[in-house]
Amino acid sequence: MNGGKMGKMLKQMQKVQAEMLKLQEDVNSRTVEASSGGGAVRAVVSGAKELVELHIDPELLKEEDVEMVQDLIMGAVNEAIRVADKMANSEMQKLSGSLGLPKDLL
């Protein structure tokens, strides 16, 4: 491979890296939401998979069934994390397609 082609390839790789970093920052700043118990528990998770909000219907806390409340919280949080994963994967696939890269490369 001659120097010109290598330089062009390196520039393209730097562009891909910059696009990936920009995308990661964008995804990390977004939030997704999921709920359980018919909306009694609602979790909001960032694209970085951090729990940023947790809402619990006060009526749910009056029921005294701690295990049920714990299960609903875990269900909402875990579903929100799954949604955040889907969002991040979808955005990475879009980037991969726009750069003409194989989907499994990113």
PDB file of N, CA and C in Angstrom:
ATOM      1  N   MET A   1       0.862  -1.178   0.000  1.00  0.00           N
ATOM      2  CA  MET A   1       0.000   0.000   0.000  1.00  0.00           C
ATOM      3  C   MET A   1       0.905   1.237   0.000  1.00  0.00           C
ATOM      4  N   ASN A   2       0.660   2.154  -0.921  1.00  0.00           N
ATOM      5  CA  ASN A   2       1.530   3.338  -0.965  1.00  0.00           C
ATOM      6  C   ASN A   2       1.106   4.364   0.082  1.00  0.00           C
ATOM      7  N   GLY A   3       1.964   5.375   0.292  1.00  0.00           N
ATOM      8  CA  GLY A   3       1.741   6.371   1.335  1.00  0.00           C
ATOM      9  C   GLY A   3       0.468   7.170   1.160  1.00  0.00           C
ATOM     10  N   GLY A   4       0.074   7.472  -0.098  1.00  0.00           N
ATOM     11  CA  GLY A   4      -1.141   8.248  -0.352  1.00  0.00           C
ATOM     12  C   GLY A   4      -2.389   7.515   0.079  1.00  0.00           C
ATOM     13  N   LYS A   5      -2.436   6.248  -0.258  1.00  0.00           N
ATOM     14  CA  LYS A   5      -3.608   5.444   0.128  1.00  0.00           C
ATOM     15  C   LYS A   5      -3.670   5.274   1.646  1.00  0.00           C
ATOM     16  N   MET A   6      -2.498   5.091   2.256  1.00  0.00           N
ATOM     17  CA  MET A   6      -2.444   4.915   3.703  1.00  0.00           C
ATOM     18  C   MET A   6      -2.908   6.189   4.404  1.00  0.00           C
ATOM     19  N   GLY A   7      -2.464   7.335   3.921  1.00  0.00           N
ATOM     20  CA  GLY A   7      -2.875   8.609   4.509  1.00  0.00           C
ATOM     21  C   GLY A   7      -4.378   8.824   4.383  1.00  0.00           C
ATOM     22  N   LYS A   8      -4.916   8.477   3.221  1.00  0.00           N
ATOM     23  CA  LYS A   8      -6.363   8.622   2.996  1.00  0.00           C
ATOM     24  C   LYS A   8      -7.145   7.701   3.928  1.00  0.00           C
ATOM     25  N   MET A   9      -6.646   6.482   4.092  1.00  0.00           N
ATOM     26  CA  MET A   9      -7.310   5.530   4.972  1.00  0.00           C
ATOM     27  C   MET A   9      -7.260   6.005   6.429  1.00  0.00           C
ATOM     28  N   LEU A  10      -6.129   6.557   6.840  1.00  0.00           N
ATOM     29  CA  LEU A  10      -6.011   7.062   8.211  1.00  0.00           C
ATOM     30  C   LEU A  10      -6.970   8.217   8.451  1.00  0.00           C
ATOM     31  N   LYS A  11      -7.104   9.105   7.465  1.00  0.00           N
ATOM     32  CA  LYS A  11      -8.050  10.212   7.597  1.00  0.00           C
ATOM     33  C   LYS A  11      -9.473   9.697   7.721  1.00  0.00           C
ATOM     34  N   GLN A  12      -9.794   8.682   6.918  1.00  0.00           N
ATOM     35  CA  GLN A  12     -11.141   8.105   6.991  1.00  0.00           C
ATOM     36  C   GLN A  12     -11.374   7.465   8.352  1.00  0.00           C
ATOM     37  N   MET A  13     -10.374   6.786   8.875  1.00  0.00           N
ATOM     38  CA  MET A  13     -10.512   6.155  10.195  1.00  0.00           C
ATOM     39  C   MET A  13     -10.681   7.214  11.283  1.00  0.00           C
ATOM     40  N   GLN A  14      -9.982   8.327  11.170  1.00  0.00           N
ATOM     41  CA  GLN A  14     -10.131   9.413  12.142  1.00  0.00           C
ATOM     42  C   GLN A  14     -11.538   9.994  12.072  1.00  0.00           C
ATOM     43  N   LYS A  15     -12.069  10.097  10.849  1.00  0.00           N
ATOM     44  CA  LYS A  15     -13.431  10.597  10.675  1.00  0.00           C
ATOM     45  C   LYS A  15     -14.431   9.648  11.342  1.00  0.00           C
ATOM     46  N   VAL A  16     -14.250   8.349  11.128  1.00  0.00           N
ATOM     47  CA  VAL A  16     -15.137   7.354  11.741  1.00  0.00           C
ATOM     48  C   VAL A  16     -15.053   7.451  13.258  1.00  0.00           C
ATOM     49  N   GLN A  17     -13.851   7.574  13.786  1.00  0.00           N
ATOM     50  CA  GLN A  17     -13.676   7.666  15.237  1.00  0.00           C
ATOM     51  C   GLN A  17     -14.365   8.912  15.785  1.00  0.00           C
ATOM     52  N   ALA A  18     -14.212  10.043  15.091  1.00  0.00           N
ATOM     53  CA  ALA A  18     -14.845  11.282  15.542  1.00  0.00           C
ATOM     54  C   ALA A  18     -16.363  11.150  15.496  1.00  0.00           C
ATOM     55  N   GLU A  19     -16.895  10.530  14.450  1.00  0.00           N
ATOM     56  CA  GLU A  19     -18.339  10.326  14.340  1.00  0.00           C
ATOM     57  C   GLU A  19     -18.846   9.414  15.452  1.00  0.00           C
ATOM     58  N   MET A  20     -18.080   8.376  15.763  1.00  0.00           N
ATOM     59  CA  MET A  20     -18.486   7.456  16.825  1.00  0.00           C
ATOM     60  C   MET A  20     -18.494   8.153  18.178  1.00  0.00           C
ATOM     61  N   LEU A  21     -17.495   8.988  18.451  1.00  0.00           N
ATOM     62  CA  LEU A  21     -17.455   9.723  19.713  1.00  0.00           C
ATOM     63  C   LEU A  21     -18.626  10.688  19.817  1.00  0.00           C
ATOM     64  N   LYS A  22     -18.914  11.375  18.719  1.00  0.00           N
ATOM     65  CA  LYS A  22     -20.046  12.307  18.690  1.00  0.00           C
ATOM     66  C   LYS A  22     -21.355  11.560  18.935  1.00  0.00           C
ATOM     67  N   LEU A  23     -21.502  10.420  18.281  1.00  0.00           N
ATOM     68  CA  LEU A  23     -22.704   9.615  18.459  1.00  0.00           C
ATOM     69  C   LEU A  23     -22.834   9.122  19.899  1.00  0.00           C
ATOM     70  N   GLN A  24     -21.730   8.672  20.474  1.00  0.00           N
ATOM     71  CA  GLN A  24     -21.770   8.178  21.858  1.00  0.00           C
ATOM     72  C   GLN A  24     -22.185   9.282  22.815  1.00  0.00           C
ATOM     73  N   GLU A  25     -21.669  10.492  22.615  1.00  0.00           N
ATOM     74  CA  GLU A  25     -22.067  11.619  23.453  1.00  0.00           C
ATOM     75  C   GLU A  25     -23.557  11.907  23.300  1.00  0.00           C
ATOM     76  N   ASP A  26     -24.042  11.846  22.060  1.00  0.00           N
ATOM     77  CA  ASP A  26     -25.460  12.092  21.799  1.00  0.00           C
ATOM     78  C   ASP A  26     -26.325  11.033  22.479  1.00  0.00           C
ATOM     79  N   VAL A  27     -25.957   9.777  22.305  1.00  0.00           N
ATOM     80  CA  VAL A  27     -26.725   8.683  22.913  1.00  0.00           C
ATOM     81  C   VAL A  27     -26.706   8.801  24.434  1.00  0.00           C
ATOM     82  N   ASN A  28     -25.551   9.096  25.011  1.00  0.00           N
ATOM     83  CA  ASN A  28     -25.443   9.211  26.469  1.00  0.00           C
ATOM     84  C   ASN A  28     -26.302  10.334  27.033  1.00  0.00           C
ATOM     85  N   SER A  29     -26.540  11.378  26.231  1.00  0.00           N
ATOM     86  CA  SER A  29     -27.332  12.504  26.723  1.00  0.00           C
ATOM     87  C   SER A  29     -28.836  12.263  26.597  1.00  0.00           C
ATOM     88  N   ARG A  30     -29.238  11.255  25.863  1.00  0.00           N
ATOM     89  CA  ARG A  30     -30.664  10.951  25.703  1.00  0.00           C
ATOM     90  C   ARG A  30     -31.171  10.137  26.885  1.00  0.00           C
ATOM     91  N   THR A  31     -32.484  10.136  27.051  1.00  0.00           N
ATOM     92  CA  THR A  31     -33.093   9.297  28.072  1.00  0.00           C
ATOM     93  C   THR A  31     -34.206   8.475  27.452  1.00  0.00           C
ATOM     94  N   VAL A  32     -34.458   7.331  28.061  1.00  0.00           N
ATOM     95  CA  VAL A  32     -35.568   6.468  27.678  1.00  0.00           C
ATOM     96  C   VAL A  32     -36.353   6.139  28.936  1.00  0.00           C
ATOM     97  N   GLU A  33     -37.569   5.715  28.735  1.00  0.00           N
ATOM     98  CA  GLU A  33     -38.458   5.478  29.872  1.00  0.00           C
ATOM     99  C   GLU A  33     -39.166   4.138  29.707  1.00  0.00           C
ATOM    100  N   ALA A  34     -39.379   3.467  30.823  1.00  0.00           N
ATOM    101  CA  ALA A  34     -40.164   2.231  30.838  1.00  0.00           C
ATOM    102  C   ALA A  34     -40.937   2.193  32.150  1.00  0.00           C
ATOM    103  N   SER A  35     -42.021   1.412  32.144  1.00  0.00           N
ATOM    104  CA  SER A  35     -42.834   1.332  33.364  1.00  0.00           C
ATOM    105  C   SER A  35     -43.257  -0.102  33.607  1.00  0.00           C
ATOM    106  N   SER A  36     -43.745  -0.328  34.802  1.00  0.00           N
ATOM    107  CA  SER A  36     -44.301  -1.634  35.156  1.00  0.00           C
ATOM    108  C   SER A  36     -45.487  -1.396  36.080  1.00  0.00           C
ATOM    109  N   GLY A  37     -46.247  -2.445  36.291  1.00  0.00           N
ATOM    110  CA  GLY A  37     -47.409  -2.326  37.170  1.00  0.00           C
ATOM    111  C   GLY A  37     -48.442  -1.359  36.614  1.00  0.00           C
ATOM    112  N   GLY A  38     -48.607  -1.371  35.295  1.00  0.00           N
ATOM    113  CA  GLY A  38     -49.579  -0.477  34.682  1.00  0.00           C
ATOM    114  C   GLY A  38     -49.236   0.995  34.869  1.00  0.00           C
ATOM    115  N   GLY A  39     -47.950   1.288  34.966  1.00  0.00           N
ATOM    116  CA  GLY A  39     -47.508   2.669  35.133  1.00  0.00           C
ATOM    117  C   GLY A  39     -47.301   3.073  36.581  1.00  0.00           C
ATOM    118  N   ALA A  40     -47.498   2.137  37.503  1.00  0.00           N
ATOM    119  CA  ALA A  40     -47.323   2.464  38.924  1.00  0.00           C
ATOM    120  C   ALA A  40     -45.870   2.777  39.256  1.00  0.00           C
ATOM    121  N   VAL A  41     -44.956   2.152  38.518  1.00  0.00           N
ATOM    122  CA  VAL A  41     -43.532   2.418  38.680  1.00  0.00           C
ATOM    123  C   VAL A  41     -42.990   2.785  37.302  1.00  0.00           C
ATOM    124  N   ARG A  42     -42.294   3.909  37.240  1.00  0.00           N
ATOM    125  CA  ARG A  42     -41.733   4.384  35.976  1.00  0.00           C
ATOM    126  C   ARG A  42     -40.271   4.716  36.187  1.00  0.00           C
ATOM    127  N   ALA A  43     -39.412   4.177  35.303  1.00  0.00           N
ATOM    128  CA  ALA A  43     -37.971   4.419  35.396  1.00  0.00           C
ATOM    129  C   ALA A  43     -37.494   5.150  34.149  1.00  0.00           C
ATOM    130  N   VAL A  44     -36.623   6.119  34.352  1.00  0.00           N
ATOM    131  CA  VAL A  44     -36.007   6.849  33.258  1.00  0.00           C
ATOM    132  C   VAL A  44     -34.505   6.582  33.335  1.00  0.00           C
ATOM    133  N   VAL A  45     -33.943   6.100  32.215  1.00  0.00           N
ATOM    134  CA  VAL A  45     -32.540   5.717  32.158  1.00  0.00           C
ATOM    135  C   VAL A  45     -31.868   6.500  31.039  1.00  0.00           C
ATOM    136  N   SER A  46     -30.637   6.918  31.270  1.00  0.00           N
ATOM    137  CA  SER A  46     -29.876   7.623  30.231  1.00  0.00           C
ATOM    138  C   SER A  46     -29.316   6.613  29.242  1.00  0.00           C
ATOM    139  N   GLY A  47     -28.842   7.135  28.115  1.00  0.00           N
ATOM    140  CA  GLY A  47     -28.188   6.280  27.133  1.00  0.00           C
ATOM    141  C   GLY A  47     -26.935   5.633  27.685  1.00  0.00           C
ATOM    142  N   ALA A  48     -26.389   6.202  28.745  1.00  0.00           N
ATOM    143  CA  ALA A  48     -25.221   5.631  29.424  1.00  0.00           C
ATOM    144  C   ALA A  48     -25.649   4.553  30.425  1.00  0.00           C
ATOM    145  N   LYS A  49     -26.928   4.226  30.419  1.00  0.00           N
ATOM    146  CA  LYS A  49     -27.516   3.182  31.268  1.00  0.00           C
ATOM    147  C   LYS A  49     -27.447   3.520  32.749  1.00  0.00           C
ATOM    148  N   GLU A  50     -27.663   4.799  33.046  1.00  0.00           N
ATOM    149  CA  GLU A  50     -27.741   5.236  34.436  1.00  0.00           C
ATOM    150  C   GLU A  50     -29.178   5.601  34.753  1.00  0.00           C
ATOM    151  N   LEU A  51     -29.662   5.159  35.887  1.00  0.00           N
ATOM    152  CA  LEU A  51     -31.000   5.513  36.327  1.00  0.00           C
ATOM    153  C   LEU A  51     -30.996   6.990  36.697  1.00  0.00           C
ATOM    154  N   VAL A  52     -31.824   7.789  36.001  1.00  0.00           N
ATOM    155  CA  VAL A  52     -31.831   9.227  36.275  1.00  0.00           C
ATOM    156  C   VAL A  52     -33.116   9.685  36.967  1.00  0.00           C
ATOM    157  N   GLU A  53     -34.177   8.908  36.837  1.00  0.00           N
ATOM    158  CA  GLU A  53     -35.431   9.221  37.526  1.00  0.00           C
ATOM    159  C   GLU A  53     -36.143   7.924  37.871  1.00  0.00           C
ATOM    160  N   LEU A  54     -36.841   7.946  38.994  1.00  0.00           N
ATOM    161  CA  LEU A  54     -37.677   6.824  39.400  1.00  0.00           C
ATOM    162  C   LEU A  54     -38.946   7.392  40.011  1.00  0.00           C
ATOM    163  N   HIS A  55     -40.066   7.048  39.415  1.00  0.00           N
ATOM    164  CA  HIS A  55     -41.357   7.534  39.908  1.00  0.00           C
ATOM    165  C   HIS A  55     -42.170   6.351  40.424  1.00  0.00           C
ATOM    166  N   ILE A  56     -42.697   6.493  41.631  1.00  0.00           N
ATOM    167  CA  ILE A  56     -43.522   5.448  42.237  1.00  0.00           C
ATOM    168  C   ILE A  56     -44.845   6.079  42.638  1.00  0.00           C
ATOM    169  N   ASP A  57     -45.922   5.494  42.161  1.00  0.00           N
ATOM    170  CA  ASP A  57     -47.259   5.980  42.522  1.00  0.00           C
ATOM    171  C   ASP A  57     -47.420   5.841  44.033  1.00  0.00           C
ATOM    172  N   PRO A  58     -47.727   6.917  44.751  1.00  0.00           N
ATOM    173  CA  PRO A  58     -47.867   6.858  46.208  1.00  0.00           C
ATOM    174  C   PRO A  58     -48.886   5.809  46.667  1.00  0.00           C
ATOM    175  N   GLU A  59     -49.896   5.545  45.869  1.00  0.00           N
ATOM    176  CA  GLU A  59     -50.880   4.521  46.234  1.00  0.00           C
ATOM    177  C   GLU A  59     -50.242   3.146  46.344  1.00  0.00           C
ATOM    178  N   LEU A  60     -49.235   2.902  45.531  1.00  0.00           N
ATOM    179  CA  LEU A  60     -48.545   1.619  45.549  1.00  0.00           C
ATOM    180  C   LEU A  60     -47.844   1.397  46.893  1.00  0.00           C
ATOM    181  N   LEU A  61     -47.347   2.444  47.489  1.00  0.00           N
ATOM    182  CA  LEU A  61     -46.616   2.329  48.747  1.00  0.00           C
ATOM    183  C   LEU A  61     -47.539   2.071  49.940  1.00  0.00           C
ATOM    184  N   LYS A  62     -48.813   2.308  49.764  1.00  0.00           N
ATOM    185  CA  LYS A  62     -49.765   2.068  50.845  1.00  0.00           C
ATOM    186  C   LYS A  62     -50.135   0.598  50.967  1.00  0.00           C
ATOM    187  N   GLU A  63     -49.745  -0.204  49.985  1.00  0.00           N
ATOM    188  CA  GLU A  63     -50.178  -1.599  49.957  1.00  0.00           C
ATOM    189  C   GLU A  63     -49.393  -2.519  50.880  1.00  0.00           C
ATOM    190  N   GLU A  64     -48.274  -2.102  51.377  1.00  0.00           N
ATOM    191  CA  GLU A  64     -47.478  -2.856  52.330  1.00  0.00           C
ATOM    192  C   GLU A  64     -46.869  -4.140  51.793  1.00  0.00           C
ATOM    193  N   ASP A  65     -46.958  -4.406  50.505  1.00  0.00           N
ATOM    194  CA  ASP A  65     -46.332  -5.589  49.920  1.00  0.00           C
ATOM    195  C   ASP A  65     -44.987  -5.167  49.332  1.00  0.00           C
ATOM    196  N   VAL A  66     -43.990  -5.156  50.188  1.00  0.00           N
ATOM    197  CA  VAL A  66     -42.670  -4.657  49.820  1.00  0.00           C
ATOM    198  C   VAL A  66     -42.082  -5.453  48.655  1.00  0.00           C
ATOM    199  N   GLU A  67     -42.227  -6.762  48.661  1.00  0.00           N
ATOM    200  CA  GLU A  67     -41.660  -7.585  47.594  1.00  0.00           C
ATOM    201  C   GLU A  67     -42.261  -7.230  46.246  1.00  0.00           C
ATOM    202  N   MET A  68     -43.570  -6.958  46.200  1.00  0.00           N
ATOM    203  CA  MET A  68     -44.206  -6.585  44.951  1.00  0.00           C
ATOM    204  C   MET A  68     -43.643  -5.251  44.458  1.00  0.00           C
ATOM    205  N   VAL A  69     -43.486  -4.290  45.348  1.00  0.00           N
ATOM    206  CA  VAL A  69     -42.947  -2.987  44.965  1.00  0.00           C
ATOM    207  C   VAL A  69     -41.517  -3.155  44.453  1.00  0.00           C
ATOM    208  N   GLN A  70     -40.720  -3.953  45.128  1.00  0.00           N
ATOM    209  CA  GLN A  70     -39.348  -4.193  44.686  1.00  0.00           C
ATOM    210  C   GLN A  70     -39.330  -4.826  43.288  1.00  0.00           C
ATOM    211  N   ASP A  71     -40.190  -5.797  43.053  1.00  0.00           N
ATOM    212  CA  ASP A  71     -40.266  -6.454  41.744  1.00  0.00           C
ATOM    213  C   ASP A  71     -40.666  -5.462  40.652  1.00  0.00           C
ATOM    214  N   LEU A  72     -41.619  -4.596  40.949  1.00  0.00           N
ATOM    215  CA  LEU A  72     -42.051  -3.603  39.968  1.00  0.00           C
ATOM    216  C   LEU A  72     -40.925  -2.616  39.653  1.00  0.00           C
ATOM    217  N   ILE A  73     -40.178  -2.221  40.676  1.00  0.00           N
ATOM    218  CA  ILE A  73     -39.057  -1.307  40.459  1.00  0.00           C
ATOM    219  C   ILE A  73     -37.994  -1.976  39.593  1.00  0.00           C
ATOM    220  N   MET A  74     -37.631  -3.201  39.939  1.00  0.00           N
ATOM    221  CA  MET A  74     -36.629  -3.912  39.145  1.00  0.00           C
ATOM    222  C   MET A  74     -37.102  -4.097  37.706  1.00  0.00           C
ATOM    223  N   GLY A  75     -38.363  -4.424  37.527  1.00  0.00           N
ATOM    224  CA  GLY A  75     -38.899  -4.610  36.182  1.00  0.00           C
ATOM    225  C   GLY A  75     -38.828  -3.344  35.354  1.00  0.00           C
ATOM    226  N   ALA A  76     -39.208  -2.222  35.935  1.00  0.00           N
ATOM    227  CA  ALA A  76     -39.180  -0.948  35.204  1.00  0.00           C
ATOM    228  C   ALA A  76     -37.749  -0.539  34.868  1.00  0.00           C
ATOM    229  N   VAL A  77     -36.847  -0.668  35.819  1.00  0.00           N
ATOM    230  CA  VAL A  77     -35.456  -0.277  35.596  1.00  0.00           C
ATOM    231  C   VAL A  77     -34.809  -1.173  34.539  1.00  0.00           C
ATOM    232  N   ASN A  78     -34.999  -2.479  34.659  1.00  0.00           N
ATOM    233  CA  ASN A  78     -34.400  -3.399  33.690  1.00  0.00           C
ATOM    234  C   ASN A  78     -34.952  -3.177  32.286  1.00  0.00           C
ATOM    235  N   GLU A  79     -36.230  -2.911  32.163  1.00  0.00           N
ATOM    236  CA  GLU A  79     -36.811  -2.649  30.846  1.00  0.00           C
ATOM    237  C   GLU A  79     -36.258  -1.343  30.280  1.00  0.00           C
ATOM    238  N   ALA A  80     -36.101  -0.336  31.097  1.00  0.00           N
ATOM    239  CA  ALA A  80     -35.538   0.937  30.629  1.00  0.00           C
ATOM    240  C   ALA A  80     -34.103   0.740  30.144  1.00  0.00           C
ATOM    241  N   ILE A  81     -33.342  -0.085  30.822  1.00  0.00           N
ATOM    242  CA  ILE A  81     -31.968  -0.373  30.387  1.00  0.00           C
ATOM    243  C   ILE A  81     -31.987  -1.094  29.044  1.00  0.00           C
ATOM    244  N   ARG A  82     -32.914  -2.040  28.853  1.00  0.00           N
ATOM    245  CA  ARG A  82     -33.031  -2.741  27.566  1.00  0.00           C
ATOM    246  C   ARG A  82     -33.378  -1.753  26.450  1.00  0.00           C
ATOM    247  N   VAL A  83     -34.272  -0.811  26.731  1.00  0.00           N
ATOM    248  CA  VAL A  83     -34.651   0.195  25.733  1.00  0.00           C
ATOM    249  C   VAL A  83     -33.445   1.080  25.405  1.00  0.00           C
ATOM    250  N   ALA A  84     -32.654   1.442  26.405  1.00  0.00           N
ATOM    251  CA  ALA A  84     -31.455   2.255  26.174  1.00  0.00           C
ATOM    252  C   ALA A  84     -30.462   1.497  25.293  1.00  0.00           C
ATOM    253  N   ASP A  85     -30.304   0.205  25.532  1.00  0.00           N
ATOM    254  CA  ASP A  85     -29.433  -0.619  24.689  1.00  0.00           C
ATOM    255  C   ASP A  85     -29.911  -0.627  23.241  1.00  0.00           C
ATOM    256  N   LYS A  86     -31.216  -0.820  23.048  1.00  0.00           N
ATOM    257  CA  LYS A  86     -31.775  -0.830  21.695  1.00  0.00           C
ATOM    258  C   LYS A  86     -31.527   0.497  20.993  1.00  0.00           C
ATOM    259  N   MET A  87     -31.727   1.597  21.718  1.00  0.00           N
ATOM    260  CA  MET A  87     -31.517   2.918  21.148  1.00  0.00           C
ATOM    261  C   MET A  87     -30.056   3.081  20.712  1.00  0.00           C
ATOM    262  N   ALA A  88     -29.128   2.708  21.573  1.00  0.00           N
ATOM    263  CA  ALA A  88     -27.703   2.850  21.261  1.00  0.00           C
ATOM    264  C   ALA A  88     -27.326   1.979  20.068  1.00  0.00           C
ATOM    265  N   ASN A  89     -27.798   0.740  20.037  1.00  0.00           N
ATOM    266  CA  ASN A  89     -27.488  -0.152  18.920  1.00  0.00           C
ATOM    267  C   ASN A  89     -28.064   0.368  17.614  1.00  0.00           C
ATOM    268  N   SER A  90     -29.265   0.896  17.657  1.00  0.00           N
ATOM    269  CA  SER A  90     -29.896   1.441  16.469  1.00  0.00           C
ATOM    270  C   SER A  90     -29.094   2.616  15.916  1.00  0.00           C
ATOM    271  N   GLU A  91     -28.641   3.496  16.798  1.00  0.00           N
ATOM    272  CA  GLU A  91     -27.868   4.651  16.358  1.00  0.00           C
ATOM    273  C   GLU A  91     -26.522   4.229  15.786  1.00  0.00           C
ATOM    274  N   MET A  92     -25.898   3.232  16.371  1.00  0.00           N
ATOM    275  CA  MET A  92     -24.621   2.741  15.853  1.00  0.00           C
ATOM    276  C   MET A  92     -24.813   2.110  14.475  1.00  0.00           C
ATOM    277  N   GLN A  93     -25.914   1.395  14.267  1.00  0.00           N
ATOM    278  CA  GLN A  93     -26.177   0.811  12.955  1.00  0.00           C
ATOM    279  C   GLN A  93     -26.407   1.892  11.910  1.00  0.00           C
ATOM    280  N   LYS A  94     -27.084   2.969  12.301  1.00  0.00           N
ATOM    281  CA  LYS A  94     -27.272   4.089  11.375  1.00  0.00           C
ATOM    282  C   LYS A  94     -25.923   4.673  10.976  1.00  0.00           C
ATOM    283  N   LEU A  95     -25.041   4.859  11.947  1.00  0.00           N
ATOM    284  CA  LEU A  95     -23.716   5.396  11.665  1.00  0.00           C
ATOM    285  C   LEU A  95     -22.952   4.452  10.751  1.00  0.00           C
ATOM    286  N   SER A  96     -23.003   3.179  11.046  1.00  0.00           N
ATOM    287  CA  SER A  96     -22.320   2.180  10.240  1.00  0.00           C
ATOM    288  C   SER A  96     -22.787   2.240   8.789  1.00  0.00           C
ATOM    289  N   GLY A  97     -24.096   2.340   8.600  1.00  0.00           N
ATOM    290  CA  GLY A  97     -24.650   2.405   7.249  1.00  0.00           C
ATOM    291  C   GLY A  97     -24.264   3.676   6.529  1.00  0.00           C
ATOM    292  N   SER A  98     -24.267   4.796   7.232  1.00  0.00           N
ATOM    293  CA  SER A  98     -23.943   6.077   6.594  1.00  0.00           C
ATOM    294  C   SER A  98     -22.474   6.150   6.197  1.00  0.00           C
ATOM    295  N   LEU A  99     -21.626   5.389   6.878  1.00  0.00           N
ATOM    296  CA  LEU A  99     -20.199   5.394   6.551  1.00  0.00           C
ATOM    297  C   LEU A  99     -19.836   4.258   5.602  1.00  0.00           C
ATOM    298  N   GLY A 100     -20.827   3.419   5.248  1.00  0.00           N
ATOM    299  CA  GLY A 100     -20.577   2.314   4.350  1.00  0.00           C
ATOM    300  C   GLY A 100     -19.774   1.187   4.986  1.00  0.00           C
ATOM    301  N   LEU A 101     -19.880   1.061   6.295  1.00  0.00           N
ATOM    302  CA  LEU A 101     -19.139   0.017   7.015  1.00  0.00           C
ATOM    303  C   LEU A 101     -20.038  -1.184   7.257  1.00  0.00           C
ATOM    304  N   PRO A 102     -19.468  -2.363   7.368  1.00  0.00           N
ATOM    305  CA  PRO A 102     -20.267  -3.540   7.721  1.00  0.00           C
ATOM    306  C   PRO A 102     -20.922  -3.324   9.094  1.00  0.00           C
ATOM    307  N   LYS A 103     -22.163  -3.773   9.256  1.00  0.00           N
ATOM    308  CA  LYS A 103     -22.892  -3.566  10.499  1.00  0.00           C
ATOM    309  C   LYS A 103     -22.184  -4.138  11.722  1.00  0.00           C
ATOM    310  N   ASP A 104     -21.476  -5.239  11.548  1.00  0.00           N
ATOM    311  CA  ASP A 104     -20.846  -5.875  12.701  1.00  0.00           C
ATOM    312  C   ASP A 104     -19.470  -5.287  13.022  1.00  0.00           C
ATOM    313  N   LEU A 105     -19.029  -4.266  12.267  1.00  0.00           N
ATOM    314  CA  LEU A 105     -17.733  -3.669  12.529  1.00  0.00           C
ATOM    315  C   LEU A 105     -17.771  -2.745  13.741  1.00  0.00           C
ATOM    316  N   LEU A 106     -18.890  -2.043  13.949  1.00  0.00           N
ATOM    317  CA  LEU A 106     -18.977  -1.092  15.066  1.00  0.00           C
ATOM    318  C   LEU A 106     -19.446  -1.761  16.315  1.00  0.00           C
TER     319      LEU A 106
END
